[in-house]
């Protein structure tokens, strides 16, 4: 199995292509969009737990908890976003640009 490499200075499109190859290599390409969304939800929960562990005085079960590193959890979330986008045929960069055009026309209040 050849090592996948993320090229230097990648675009979002490059990350989406990488995610496609990564899924093929690791045998994840059969997961459905629903399954991917459920896994994304789990990763978001792990992000929240990692943020809580690192930024609050709330107690937690450190021995049994998987979520520890905020950067790793954010990376997991991005990978799932790329995979879900790929399954739905969405160019994530275009989607972000299109959404920001809408957001720029909104009036934001506090």
PDB file of N, CA and C in Angstrom:
ATOM      1  N   UNK A   1       0.857  -1.173   0.000  1.00  0.00           N
ATOM      2  CA  UNK A   1       0.000   0.000   0.000  1.00  0.00           C
ATOM      3  C   UNK A   1       0.905   1.238   0.000  1.00  0.00           C
ATOM      4  N   UNK A   2       0.692   2.119  -0.968  1.00  0.00           N
ATOM      5  CA  UNK A   2       1.509   3.327  -1.041  1.00  0.00           C
ATOM      6  C   UNK A   2       0.993   4.385  -0.070  1.00  0.00           C
ATOM      7  N   UNK A   3       1.910   5.158   0.441  1.00  0.00           N
ATOM      8  CA  UNK A   3       1.569   6.216   1.396  1.00  0.00           C
ATOM      9  C   UNK A   3       0.928   7.375   0.651  1.00  0.00           C
ATOM     10  N   UNK A   4      -0.203   7.819   1.146  1.00  0.00           N
ATOM     11  CA  UNK A   4      -0.857   8.983   0.567  1.00  0.00           C
ATOM     12  C   UNK A   4      -0.146  10.239   1.046  1.00  0.00           C
ATOM     13  N   UNK A   5      -0.036  11.202   0.174  1.00  0.00           N
ATOM     14  CA  UNK A   5       0.660  12.436   0.510  1.00  0.00           C
ATOM     15  C   UNK A   5      -0.245  13.618   0.173  1.00  0.00           C
ATOM     16  N   UNK A   6      -0.357  14.525   1.112  1.00  0.00           N
ATOM     17  CA  UNK A   6      -1.071  15.778   0.858  1.00  0.00           C
ATOM     18  C   UNK A   6      -0.053  16.747   0.292  1.00  0.00           C
ATOM     19  N   UNK A   7      -0.346  17.283  -0.880  1.00  0.00           N
ATOM     20  CA  UNK A   7       0.633  18.153  -1.521  1.00  0.00           C
ATOM     21  C   UNK A   7       0.812  19.449  -0.732  1.00  0.00           C
ATOM     22  N   UNK A   8       1.935  20.093  -0.939  1.00  0.00           N
ATOM     23  CA  UNK A   8       2.241  21.346  -0.263  1.00  0.00           C
ATOM     24  C   UNK A   8       1.291  22.432  -0.765  1.00  0.00           C
ATOM     25  N   UNK A   9       0.800  23.258   0.147  1.00  0.00           N
ATOM     26  CA  UNK A   9      -0.147  24.331  -0.159  1.00  0.00           C
ATOM     27  C   UNK A   9      -1.390  23.824  -0.892  1.00  0.00           C
ATOM     28  N   UNK A  10      -2.100  22.854  -0.317  1.00  0.00           N
ATOM     29  CA  UNK A  10      -3.258  22.274  -0.986  1.00  0.00           C
ATOM     30  C   UNK A  10      -4.462  23.215  -0.991  1.00  0.00           C
ATOM     31  N   UNK A  11      -5.295  23.048  -2.007  1.00  0.00           N
ATOM     32  CA  UNK A  11      -6.584  23.731  -2.068  1.00  0.00           C
ATOM     33  C   UNK A  11      -7.626  22.835  -1.401  1.00  0.00           C
ATOM     34  N   UNK A  12      -8.823  23.342  -1.213  1.00  0.00           N
ATOM     35  CA  UNK A  12      -9.887  22.482  -0.698  1.00  0.00           C
ATOM     36  C   UNK A  12     -10.142  21.323  -1.658  1.00  0.00           C
ATOM     37  N   UNK A  13     -10.054  21.593  -2.955  1.00  0.00           N
ATOM     38  CA  UNK A  13     -10.223  20.539  -3.950  1.00  0.00           C
ATOM     39  C   UNK A  13      -9.173  19.448  -3.773  1.00  0.00           C
ATOM     40  N   UNK A  14      -7.949  19.839  -3.474  1.00  0.00           N
ATOM     41  CA  UNK A  14      -6.889  18.859  -3.232  1.00  0.00           C
ATOM     42  C   UNK A  14      -7.223  17.993  -2.021  1.00  0.00           C
ATOM     43  N   UNK A  15      -7.745  18.611  -0.974  1.00  0.00           N
ATOM     44  CA  UNK A  15      -8.127  17.842   0.214  1.00  0.00           C
ATOM     45  C   UNK A  15      -9.279  16.884  -0.108  1.00  0.00           C
ATOM     46  N   UNK A  16     -10.228  17.338  -0.932  1.00  0.00           N
ATOM     47  CA  UNK A  16     -11.328  16.454  -1.304  1.00  0.00           C
ATOM     48  C   UNK A  16     -10.805  15.267  -2.105  1.00  0.00           C
ATOM     49  N   UNK A  17      -9.879  15.496  -3.012  1.00  0.00           N
ATOM     50  CA  UNK A  17      -9.279  14.397  -3.784  1.00  0.00           C
ATOM     51  C   UNK A  17      -8.514  13.454  -2.855  1.00  0.00           C
ATOM     52  N   UNK A  18      -7.783  14.010  -1.912  1.00  0.00           N
ATOM     53  CA  UNK A  18      -7.046  13.199  -0.943  1.00  0.00           C
ATOM     54  C   UNK A  18      -8.015  12.324  -0.157  1.00  0.00           C
ATOM     55  N   UNK A  19      -9.136  12.900   0.282  1.00  0.00           N
ATOM     56  CA  UNK A  19     -10.117  12.148   1.068  1.00  0.00           C
ATOM     57  C   UNK A  19     -10.665  10.970   0.270  1.00  0.00           C
ATOM     58  N   UNK A  20     -10.891  11.175  -1.022  1.00  0.00           N
ATOM     59  CA  UNK A  20     -11.366  10.083  -1.879  1.00  0.00           C
ATOM     60  C   UNK A  20     -10.355   8.943  -1.904  1.00  0.00           C
ATOM     61  N   UNK A  21      -9.099   9.270  -2.102  1.00  0.00           N
ATOM     62  CA  UNK A  21      -8.053   8.250  -2.151  1.00  0.00           C
ATOM     63  C   UNK A  21      -7.850   7.582  -0.795  1.00  0.00           C
ATOM     64  N   UNK A  22      -7.913   8.379   0.272  1.00  0.00           N
ATOM     65  CA  UNK A  22      -7.757   7.845   1.618  1.00  0.00           C
ATOM     66  C   UNK A  22      -8.861   6.827   1.920  1.00  0.00           C
ATOM     67  N   UNK A  23     -10.088   7.157   1.538  1.00  0.00           N
ATOM     68  CA  UNK A  23     -11.198   6.231   1.782  1.00  0.00           C
ATOM     69  C   UNK A  23     -11.021   4.924   1.009  1.00  0.00           C
ATOM     70  N   UNK A  24     -10.590   5.015  -0.231  1.00  0.00           N
ATOM     71  CA  UNK A  24     -10.350   3.803  -1.024  1.00  0.00           C
ATOM     72  C   UNK A  24      -9.271   2.953  -0.362  1.00  0.00           C
ATOM     73  N   UNK A  25      -8.187   3.590   0.028  1.00  0.00           N
ATOM     74  CA  UNK A  25      -7.059   2.869   0.612  1.00  0.00           C
ATOM     75  C   UNK A  25      -7.426   2.193   1.931  1.00  0.00           C
ATOM     76  N   UNK A  26      -8.260   2.844   2.724  1.00  0.00           N
ATOM     77  CA  UNK A  26      -8.606   2.323   4.046  1.00  0.00           C
ATOM     78  C   UNK A  26      -9.897   1.506   4.052  1.00  0.00           C
ATOM     79  N   UNK A  27     -10.548   1.391   2.890  1.00  0.00           N
ATOM     80  CA  UNK A  27     -11.755   0.578   2.798  1.00  0.00           C
ATOM     81  C   UNK A  27     -13.010   1.235   3.334  1.00  0.00           C
ATOM     82  N   UNK A  28     -13.071   2.557   3.314  1.00  0.00           N
ATOM     83  CA  UNK A  28     -14.229   3.280   3.851  1.00  0.00           C
ATOM     84  C   UNK A  28     -15.213   3.737   2.779  1.00  0.00           C
ATOM     85  N   UNK A  29     -14.948   3.459   1.510  1.00  0.00           N
ATOM     86  CA  UNK A  29     -15.748   4.036   0.440  1.00  0.00           C
ATOM     87  C   UNK A  29     -17.178   3.507   0.393  1.00  0.00           C
ATOM     88  N   UNK A  30     -17.462   2.431   1.095  1.00  0.00           N
ATOM     89  CA  UNK A  30     -18.817   1.865   1.095  1.00  0.00           C
ATOM     90  C   UNK A  30     -19.734   2.511   2.139  1.00  0.00           C
ATOM     91  N   UNK A  31     -19.190   3.338   3.020  1.00  0.00           N
ATOM     92  CA  UNK A  31     -20.034   3.979   4.033  1.00  0.00           C
ATOM     93  C   UNK A  31     -20.992   4.948   3.353  1.00  0.00           C
ATOM     94  N   UNK A  32     -22.228   4.953   3.811  1.00  0.00           N
ATOM     95  CA  UNK A  32     -23.243   5.824   3.227  1.00  0.00           C
ATOM     96  C   UNK A  32     -23.096   7.247   3.763  1.00  0.00           C
ATOM     97  N   UNK A  33     -23.803   8.173   3.133  1.00  0.00           N
ATOM     98  CA  UNK A  33     -23.806   9.556   3.615  1.00  0.00           C
ATOM     99  C   UNK A  33     -24.346   9.599   5.038  1.00  0.00           C
ATOM    100  N   UNK A  34     -25.403   8.853   5.300  1.00  0.00           N
ATOM    101  CA  UNK A  34     -25.962   8.816   6.655  1.00  0.00           C
ATOM    102  C   UNK A  34     -24.922   8.334   7.654  1.00  0.00           C
ATOM    103  N   UNK A  35     -24.226   7.255   7.326  1.00  0.00           N
ATOM    104  CA  UNK A  35     -23.195   6.741   8.231  1.00  0.00           C
ATOM    105  C   UNK A  35     -22.080   7.763   8.428  1.00  0.00           C
ATOM    106  N   UNK A  36     -21.679   8.422   7.353  1.00  0.00           N
ATOM    107  CA  UNK A  36     -20.657   9.455   7.457  1.00  0.00           C
ATOM    108  C   UNK A  36     -21.135  10.608   8.353  1.00  0.00           C
ATOM    109  N   UNK A  37     -22.398  10.995   8.217  1.00  0.00           N
ATOM    110  CA  UNK A  37     -22.932  12.073   9.055  1.00  0.00           C
ATOM    111  C   UNK A  37     -22.967  11.674  10.524  1.00  0.00           C
ATOM    112  N   UNK A  38     -23.322  10.430  10.794  1.00  0.00           N
ATOM    113  CA  UNK A  38     -23.312   9.957  12.181  1.00  0.00           C
ATOM    114  C   UNK A  38     -21.897   9.970  12.752  1.00  0.00           C
ATOM    115  N   UNK A  39     -20.923   9.542  11.962  1.00  0.00           N
ATOM    116  CA  UNK A  39     -19.534   9.569  12.413  1.00  0.00           C
ATOM    117  C   UNK A  39     -19.050  11.005  12.611  1.00  0.00           C
ATOM    118  N   UNK A  40     -19.480  11.909  11.734  1.00  0.00           N
ATOM    119  CA  UNK A  40     -19.145  13.328  11.896  1.00  0.00           C
ATOM    120  C   UNK A  40     -19.701  13.846  13.222  1.00  0.00           C
ATOM    121  N   UNK A  41     -20.938  13.473  13.533  1.00  0.00           N
ATOM    122  CA  UNK A  41     -21.535  13.886  14.802  1.00  0.00           C
ATOM    123  C   UNK A  41     -20.732  13.410  16.000  1.00  0.00           C
ATOM    124  N   UNK A  42     -20.231  12.193  15.937  1.00  0.00           N
ATOM    125  CA  UNK A  42     -19.385  11.677  17.015  1.00  0.00           C
ATOM    126  C   UNK A  42     -18.109  12.494  17.150  1.00  0.00           C
ATOM    127  N   UNK A  43     -17.526  12.841  16.011  1.00  0.00           N
ATOM    128  CA  UNK A  43     -16.292  13.640  16.049  1.00  0.00           C
ATOM    129  C   UNK A  43     -16.556  15.033  16.611  1.00  0.00           C
ATOM    130  N   UNK A  44     -17.702  15.603  16.312  1.00  0.00           N
ATOM    131  CA  UNK A  44     -18.045  16.914  16.872  1.00  0.00           C
ATOM    132  C   UNK A  44     -18.167  16.808  18.391  1.00  0.00           C
ATOM    133  N   UNK A  45     -18.767  15.721  18.862  1.00  0.00           N
ATOM    134  CA  UNK A  45     -18.840  15.489  20.305  1.00  0.00           C
ATOM    135  C   UNK A  45     -17.457  15.375  20.924  1.00  0.00           C
ATOM    136  N   UNK A  46     -16.538  14.692  20.223  1.00  0.00           N
ATOM    137  CA  UNK A  46     -15.170  14.570  20.733  1.00  0.00           C
ATOM    138  C   UNK A  46     -14.470  15.925  20.752  1.00  0.00           C
ATOM    139  N   UNK A  47     -14.756  16.769  19.761  1.00  0.00           N
ATOM    140  CA  UNK A  47     -14.205  18.131  19.770  1.00  0.00           C
ATOM    141  C   UNK A  47     -14.703  18.885  20.994  1.00  0.00           C
ATOM    142  N   UNK A  48     -16.000  18.827  21.257  1.00  0.00           N
ATOM    143  CA  UNK A  48     -16.551  19.526  22.420  1.00  0.00           C
ATOM    144  C   UNK A  48     -15.908  19.034  23.707  1.00  0.00           C
ATOM    145  N   UNK A  49     -15.715  17.721  23.808  1.00  0.00           N
ATOM    146  CA  UNK A  49     -15.099  17.171  25.010  1.00  0.00           C
ATOM    147  C   UNK A  49     -13.652  17.647  25.141  1.00  0.00           C
ATOM    148  N   UNK A  50     -12.911  17.671  24.029  1.00  0.00           N
ATOM    149  CA  UNK A  50     -11.519  18.131  24.073  1.00  0.00           C
ATOM    150  C   UNK A  50     -11.451  19.606  24.464  1.00  0.00           C
ATOM    151  N   UNK A  51     -12.352  20.421  23.928  1.00  0.00           N
ATOM    152  CA  UNK A  51     -12.387  21.845  24.298  1.00  0.00           C
ATOM    153  C   UNK A  51     -12.712  21.978  25.780  1.00  0.00           C
ATOM    154  N   UNK A  52     -13.679  21.193  26.243  1.00  0.00           N
ATOM    155  CA  UNK A  52     -14.048  21.245  27.667  1.00  0.00           C
ATOM    156  C   UNK A  52     -12.874  20.858  28.539  1.00  0.00           C
ATOM    157  N   UNK A  53     -12.162  19.799  28.182  1.00  0.00           N
ATOM    158  CA  UNK A  53     -11.022  19.346  28.978  1.00  0.00           C
ATOM    159  C   UNK A  53      -9.924  20.405  29.057  1.00  0.00           C
ATOM    160  N   UNK A  54      -9.738  21.107  27.958  1.00  0.00           N
ATOM    161  CA  UNK A  54      -8.629  22.055  27.876  1.00  0.00           C
ATOM    162  C   UNK A  54      -8.982  23.477  28.281  1.00  0.00           C
ATOM    163  N   UNK A  55     -10.287  23.775  28.446  1.00  0.00           N
ATOM    164  CA  UNK A  55     -10.666  25.172  28.656  1.00  0.00           C
ATOM    165  C   UNK A  55     -11.650  25.415  29.785  1.00  0.00           C
ATOM    166  N   UNK A  56     -11.967  24.392  30.553  1.00  0.00           N
ATOM    167  CA  UNK A  56     -12.896  24.592  31.661  1.00  0.00           C
ATOM    168  C   UNK A  56     -12.391  23.859  32.895  1.00  0.00           C
ATOM    169  N   UNK A  57     -13.056  24.096  33.992  1.00  0.00           N
ATOM    170  CA  UNK A  57     -12.762  23.383  35.228  1.00  0.00           C
ATOM    171  C   UNK A  57     -13.738  22.235  35.458  1.00  0.00           C
ATOM    172  N   UNK A  58     -14.533  21.900  34.448  1.00  0.00           N
ATOM    173  CA  UNK A  58     -15.483  20.798  34.582  1.00  0.00           C
ATOM    174  C   UNK A  58     -14.729  19.475  34.667  1.00  0.00           C
ATOM    175  N   UNK A  59     -15.235  18.572  35.462  1.00  0.00           N
ATOM    176  CA  UNK A  59     -14.566  17.276  35.609  1.00  0.00           C
ATOM    177  C   UNK A  59     -14.870  16.384  34.409  1.00  0.00           C
ATOM    178  N   UNK A  60     -13.993  15.388  34.179  1.00  0.00           N
ATOM    179  CA  UNK A  60     -14.170  14.459  33.079  1.00  0.00           C
ATOM    180  C   UNK A  60     -13.470  13.148  33.400  1.00  0.00           C
ATOM    181  N   UNK A  61     -13.851  12.110  32.682  1.00  0.00           N
ATOM    182  CA  UNK A  61     -13.262  10.784  32.848  1.00  0.00           C
ATOM    183  C   UNK A  61     -12.089  10.669  31.884  1.00  0.00           C
ATOM    184  N   UNK A  62     -10.909  11.016  32.336  1.00  0.00           N
ATOM    185  CA  UNK A  62      -9.733  11.040  31.467  1.00  0.00           C
ATOM    186  C   UNK A  62      -9.302   9.638  31.046  1.00  0.00           C
ATOM    187  N   UNK A  63      -9.521   8.663  31.912  1.00  0.00           N
ATOM    188  CA  UNK A  63      -9.075   7.290  31.624  1.00  0.00           C
ATOM    189  C   UNK A  63      -9.814   6.686  30.439  1.00  0.00           C
ATOM    190  N   UNK A  64     -11.110   6.916  30.339  1.00  0.00           N
ATOM    191  CA  UNK A  64     -11.928   6.276  29.316  1.00  0.00           C
ATOM    192  C   UNK A  64     -12.269   7.185  28.128  1.00  0.00           C
ATOM    193  N   UNK A  65     -11.804   8.399  28.156  1.00  0.00           N
ATOM    194  CA  UNK A  65     -12.147   9.349  27.101  1.00  0.00           C
ATOM    195  C   UNK A  65     -11.138   9.297  25.962  1.00  0.00           C
ATOM    196  N   UNK A  66     -11.651   9.317  24.719  1.00  0.00           N
ATOM    197  CA  UNK A  66     -10.779   9.330  23.541  1.00  0.00           C
ATOM    198  C   UNK A  66     -10.401  10.757  23.146  1.00  0.00           C
ATOM    199  N   UNK A  67     -11.284  11.699  23.379  1.00  0.00           N
ATOM    200  CA  UNK A  67     -11.062  13.066  22.919  1.00  0.00           C
ATOM    201  C   UNK A  67     -10.060  13.773  23.818  1.00  0.00           C
ATOM    202  N   UNK A  68      -8.941  14.168  23.261  1.00  0.00           N
ATOM    203  CA  UNK A  68      -7.917  14.836  24.050  1.00  0.00           C
ATOM    204  C   UNK A  68      -7.357  16.073  23.358  1.00  0.00           C
ATOM    205  N   UNK A  69      -7.148  15.999  22.080  1.00  0.00           N
ATOM    206  CA  UNK A  69      -6.430  17.035  21.353  1.00  0.00           C
ATOM    207  C   UNK A  69      -7.378  17.761  20.398  1.00  0.00           C
ATOM    208  N   UNK A  70      -7.588  19.042  20.635  1.00  0.00           N
ATOM    209  CA  UNK A  70      -8.507  19.828  19.823  1.00  0.00           C
ATOM    210  C   UNK A  70      -8.093  19.801  18.353  1.00  0.00           C
ATOM    211  N   UNK A  71      -6.810  19.947  18.056  1.00  0.00           N
ATOM    212  CA  UNK A  71      -6.349  19.957  16.660  1.00  0.00           C
ATOM    213  C   UNK A  71      -6.689  18.643  15.961  1.00  0.00           C
ATOM    214  N   UNK A  72      -6.486  17.517  16.637  1.00  0.00           N
ATOM    215  CA  UNK A  72      -6.812  16.226  16.030  1.00  0.00           C
ATOM    216  C   UNK A  72      -8.306  16.088  15.774  1.00  0.00           C
ATOM    217  N   UNK A  73      -9.112  16.555  16.706  1.00  0.00           N
ATOM    218  CA  UNK A  73     -10.563  16.455  16.535  1.00  0.00           C
ATOM    219  C   UNK A  73     -11.032  17.346  15.385  1.00  0.00           C
ATOM    220  N   UNK A  74     -10.461  18.540  15.275  1.00  0.00           N
ATOM    221  CA  UNK A  74     -10.810  19.414  14.141  1.00  0.00           C
ATOM    222  C   UNK A  74     -10.410  18.770  12.816  1.00  0.00           C
ATOM    223  N   UNK A  75      -9.258  18.126  12.780  1.00  0.00           N
ATOM    224  CA  UNK A  75      -8.817  17.443  11.558  1.00  0.00           C
ATOM    225  C   UNK A  75      -9.780  16.312  11.200  1.00  0.00           C
ATOM    226  N   UNK A  76     -10.207  15.534  12.196  1.00  0.00           N
ATOM    227  CA  UNK A  76     -11.169  14.459  11.938  1.00  0.00           C
ATOM    228  C   UNK A  76     -12.458  15.021  11.342  1.00  0.00           C
ATOM    229  N   UNK A  77     -12.920  16.136  11.890  1.00  0.00           N
ATOM    230  CA  UNK A  77     -14.151  16.763  11.398  1.00  0.00           C
ATOM    231  C   UNK A  77     -13.984  17.203   9.944  1.00  0.00           C
ATOM    232  N   UNK A  78     -12.858  17.815   9.637  1.00  0.00           N
ATOM    233  CA  UNK A  78     -12.622  18.254   8.259  1.00  0.00           C
ATOM    234  C   UNK A  78     -12.588  17.063   7.300  1.00  0.00           C
ATOM    235  N   UNK A  79     -11.955  15.984   7.714  1.00  0.00           N
ATOM    236  CA  UNK A  79     -11.899  14.797   6.855  1.00  0.00           C
ATOM    237  C   UNK A  79     -13.310  14.286   6.558  1.00  0.00           C
ATOM    238  N   UNK A  80     -14.154  14.222   7.592  1.00  0.00           N
ATOM    239  CA  UNK A  80     -15.526  13.775   7.357  1.00  0.00           C
ATOM    240  C   UNK A  80     -16.276  14.757   6.465  1.00  0.00           C
ATOM    241  N   UNK A  81     -16.045  16.056   6.619  1.00  0.00           N
ATOM    242  CA  UNK A  81     -16.700  17.034   5.738  1.00  0.00           C
ATOM    243  C   UNK A  81     -16.291  16.824   4.287  1.00  0.00           C
ATOM    244  N   UNK A  82     -15.007  16.563   4.061  1.00  0.00           N
ATOM    245  CA  UNK A  82     -14.551  16.288   2.693  1.00  0.00           C
ATOM    246  C   UNK A  82     -15.215  15.030   2.149  1.00  0.00           C
ATOM    247  N   UNK A  83     -15.274  13.979   2.961  1.00  0.00           N
ATOM    248  CA  UNK A  83     -15.862  12.712   2.513  1.00  0.00           C
ATOM    249  C   UNK A  83     -17.351  12.864   2.201  1.00  0.00           C
ATOM    250  N   UNK A  84     -18.069  13.551   3.061  1.00  0.00           N
ATOM    251  CA  UNK A  84     -19.503  13.761   2.830  1.00  0.00           C
ATOM    252  C   UNK A  84     -19.707  14.608   1.577  1.00  0.00           C
ATOM    253  N   UNK A  85     -18.923  15.651   1.428  1.00  0.00           N
ATOM    254  CA  UNK A  85     -19.016  16.501   0.235  1.00  0.00           C
ATOM    255  C   UNK A  85     -18.782  15.668  -1.020  1.00  0.00           C
ATOM    256  N   UNK A  86     -17.780  14.808  -0.988  1.00  0.00           N
ATOM    257  CA  UNK A  86     -17.477  13.963  -2.139  1.00  0.00           C
ATOM    258  C   UNK A  86     -18.642  13.055  -2.490  1.00  0.00           C
ATOM    259  N   UNK A  87     -19.233  12.439  -1.479  1.00  0.00           N
ATOM    260  CA  UNK A  87     -20.344  11.518  -1.731  1.00  0.00           C
ATOM    261  C   UNK A  87     -21.535  12.229  -2.361  1.00  0.00           C
ATOM    262  N   UNK A  88     -21.709  13.492  -2.006  1.00  0.00           N
ATOM    263  CA  UNK A  88     -22.847  14.258  -2.520  1.00  0.00           C
ATOM    264  C   UNK A  88     -22.496  15.060  -3.772  1.00  0.00           C
ATOM    265  N   UNK A  89     -21.258  14.934  -4.237  1.00  0.00           N
ATOM    266  CA  UNK A  89     -20.847  15.646  -5.441  1.00  0.00           C
ATOM    267  C   UNK A  89     -20.762  17.151  -5.259  1.00  0.00           C
ATOM    268  N   UNK A  90     -20.412  17.580  -4.061  1.00  0.00           N
ATOM    269  CA  UNK A  90     -20.338  19.011  -3.741  1.00  0.00           C
ATOM    270  C   UNK A  90     -18.902  19.483  -3.777  1.00  0.00           C
ATOM    271  N   UNK A  91     -18.656  20.527  -4.552  1.00  0.00           N
ATOM    272  CA  UNK A  91     -17.367  21.212  -4.559  1.00  0.00           C
ATOM    273  C   UNK A  91     -17.390  22.131  -3.338  1.00  0.00           C
ATOM    274  N   UNK A  92     -16.685  21.740  -2.298  1.00  0.00           N
ATOM    275  CA  UNK A  92     -16.758  22.447  -1.026  1.00  0.00           C
ATOM    276  C   UNK A  92     -16.271  23.886  -1.136  1.00  0.00           C
ATOM    277  N   UNK A  93     -15.234  24.121  -1.914  1.00  0.00           N
ATOM    278  CA  UNK A  93     -14.756  25.502  -2.083  1.00  0.00           C
ATOM    279  C   UNK A  93     -15.837  26.370  -2.710  1.00  0.00           C
ATOM    280  N   UNK A  94     -16.486  25.883  -3.747  1.00  0.00           N
ATOM    281  CA  UNK A  94     -17.558  26.644  -4.397  1.00  0.00           C
ATOM    282  C   UNK A  94     -18.713  26.866  -3.419  1.00  0.00           C
ATOM    283  N   UNK A  95     -19.051  25.831  -2.663  1.00  0.00           N
ATOM    284  CA  UNK A  95     -20.148  25.940  -1.697  1.00  0.00           C
ATOM    285  C   UNK A  95     -19.857  27.028  -0.660  1.00  0.00           C
ATOM    286  N   UNK A  96     -18.613  27.088  -0.192  1.00  0.00           N
ATOM    287  CA  UNK A  96     -18.238  28.106   0.796  1.00  0.00           C
ATOM    288  C   UNK A  96     -18.310  29.495   0.177  1.00  0.00           C
ATOM    289  N   UNK A  97     -17.783  29.633  -1.027  1.00  0.00           N
ATOM    290  CA  UNK A  97     -17.834  30.940  -1.704  1.00  0.00           C
ATOM    291  C   UNK A  97     -19.276  31.382  -1.933  1.00  0.00           C
ATOM    292  N   UNK A  98     -20.125  30.465  -2.400  1.00  0.00           N
ATOM    293  CA  UNK A  98     -21.535  30.786  -2.640  1.00  0.00           C
ATOM    294  C   UNK A  98     -22.233  31.191  -1.343  1.00  0.00           C
ATOM    295  N   UNK A  99     -21.967  30.461  -0.277  1.00  0.00           N
ATOM    296  CA  UNK A  99     -22.601  30.762   1.015  1.00  0.00           C
ATOM    297  C   UNK A  99     -22.137  32.106   1.549  1.00  0.00           C
ATOM    298  N   UNK A 100     -20.861  32.424   1.372  1.00  0.00           N
ATOM    299  CA  UNK A 100     -20.353  33.709   1.852  1.00  0.00           C
ATOM    300  C   UNK A 100     -20.945  34.893   1.078  1.00  0.00           C
ATOM    301  N   UNK A 101     -21.276  34.675  -0.190  1.00  0.00           N
ATOM    302  CA  UNK A 101     -21.979  35.737  -0.937  1.00  0.00           C
ATOM    303  C   UNK A 101     -23.325  36.025  -0.290  1.00  0.00           C
ATOM    304  N   UNK A 102     -24.012  34.988   0.137  1.00  0.00           N
ATOM    305  CA  UNK A 102     -25.295  35.160   0.836  1.00  0.00           C
ATOM    306  C   UNK A 102     -25.073  35.838   2.181  1.00  0.00           C
ATOM    307  N   UNK A 103     -24.081  35.365   2.943  1.00  0.00           N
ATOM    308  CA  UNK A 103     -23.815  35.916   4.273  1.00  0.00           C
ATOM    309  C   UNK A 103     -23.428  37.385   4.223  1.00  0.00           C
ATOM    310  N   UNK A 104     -22.703  37.782   3.196  1.00  0.00           N
ATOM    311  CA  UNK A 104     -22.281  39.175   3.098  1.00  0.00           C
ATOM    312  C   UNK A 104     -23.447  40.143   2.909  1.00  0.00           C
ATOM    313  N   UNK A 105     -24.569  39.642   2.438  1.00  0.00           N
ATOM    314  CA  UNK A 105     -25.758  40.486   2.239  1.00  0.00           C
ATOM    315  C   UNK A 105     -26.637  40.563   3.489  1.00  0.00           C
ATOM    316  N   UNK A 106     -26.327  39.763   4.468  1.00  0.00           N
ATOM    317  CA  UNK A 106     -27.108  39.757   5.703  1.00  0.00           C
ATOM    318  C   UNK A 106     -26.697  40.915   6.602  1.00  0.00           C
ATOM    319  N   UNK A 107     -27.600  41.285   7.464  1.00  0.00           N
ATOM    320  CA  UNK A 107     -27.303  42.307   8.479  1.00  0.00           C
ATOM    321  C   UNK A 107     -27.116  41.569   9.789  1.00  0.00           C
ATOM    322  N   UNK A 108     -25.899  41.667  10.325  1.00  0.00           N
ATOM    323  CA  UNK A 108     -25.539  40.958  11.537  1.00  0.00           C
ATOM    324  C   UNK A 108     -25.671  41.887  12.730  1.00  0.00           C
ATOM    325  N   UNK A 109     -26.414  41.468  13.725  1.00  0.00           N
ATOM    326  CA  UNK A 109     -26.621  42.280  14.927  1.00  0.00           C
ATOM    327  C   UNK A 109     -26.239  41.480  16.160  1.00  0.00           C
ATOM    328  N   UNK A 110     -25.864  42.216  17.198  1.00  0.00           N
ATOM    329  CA  UNK A 110     -25.600  41.573  18.502  1.00  0.00           C
ATOM    330  C   UNK A 110     -26.645  41.987  19.475  1.00  0.00           C
TER     331      UNK A 110
END
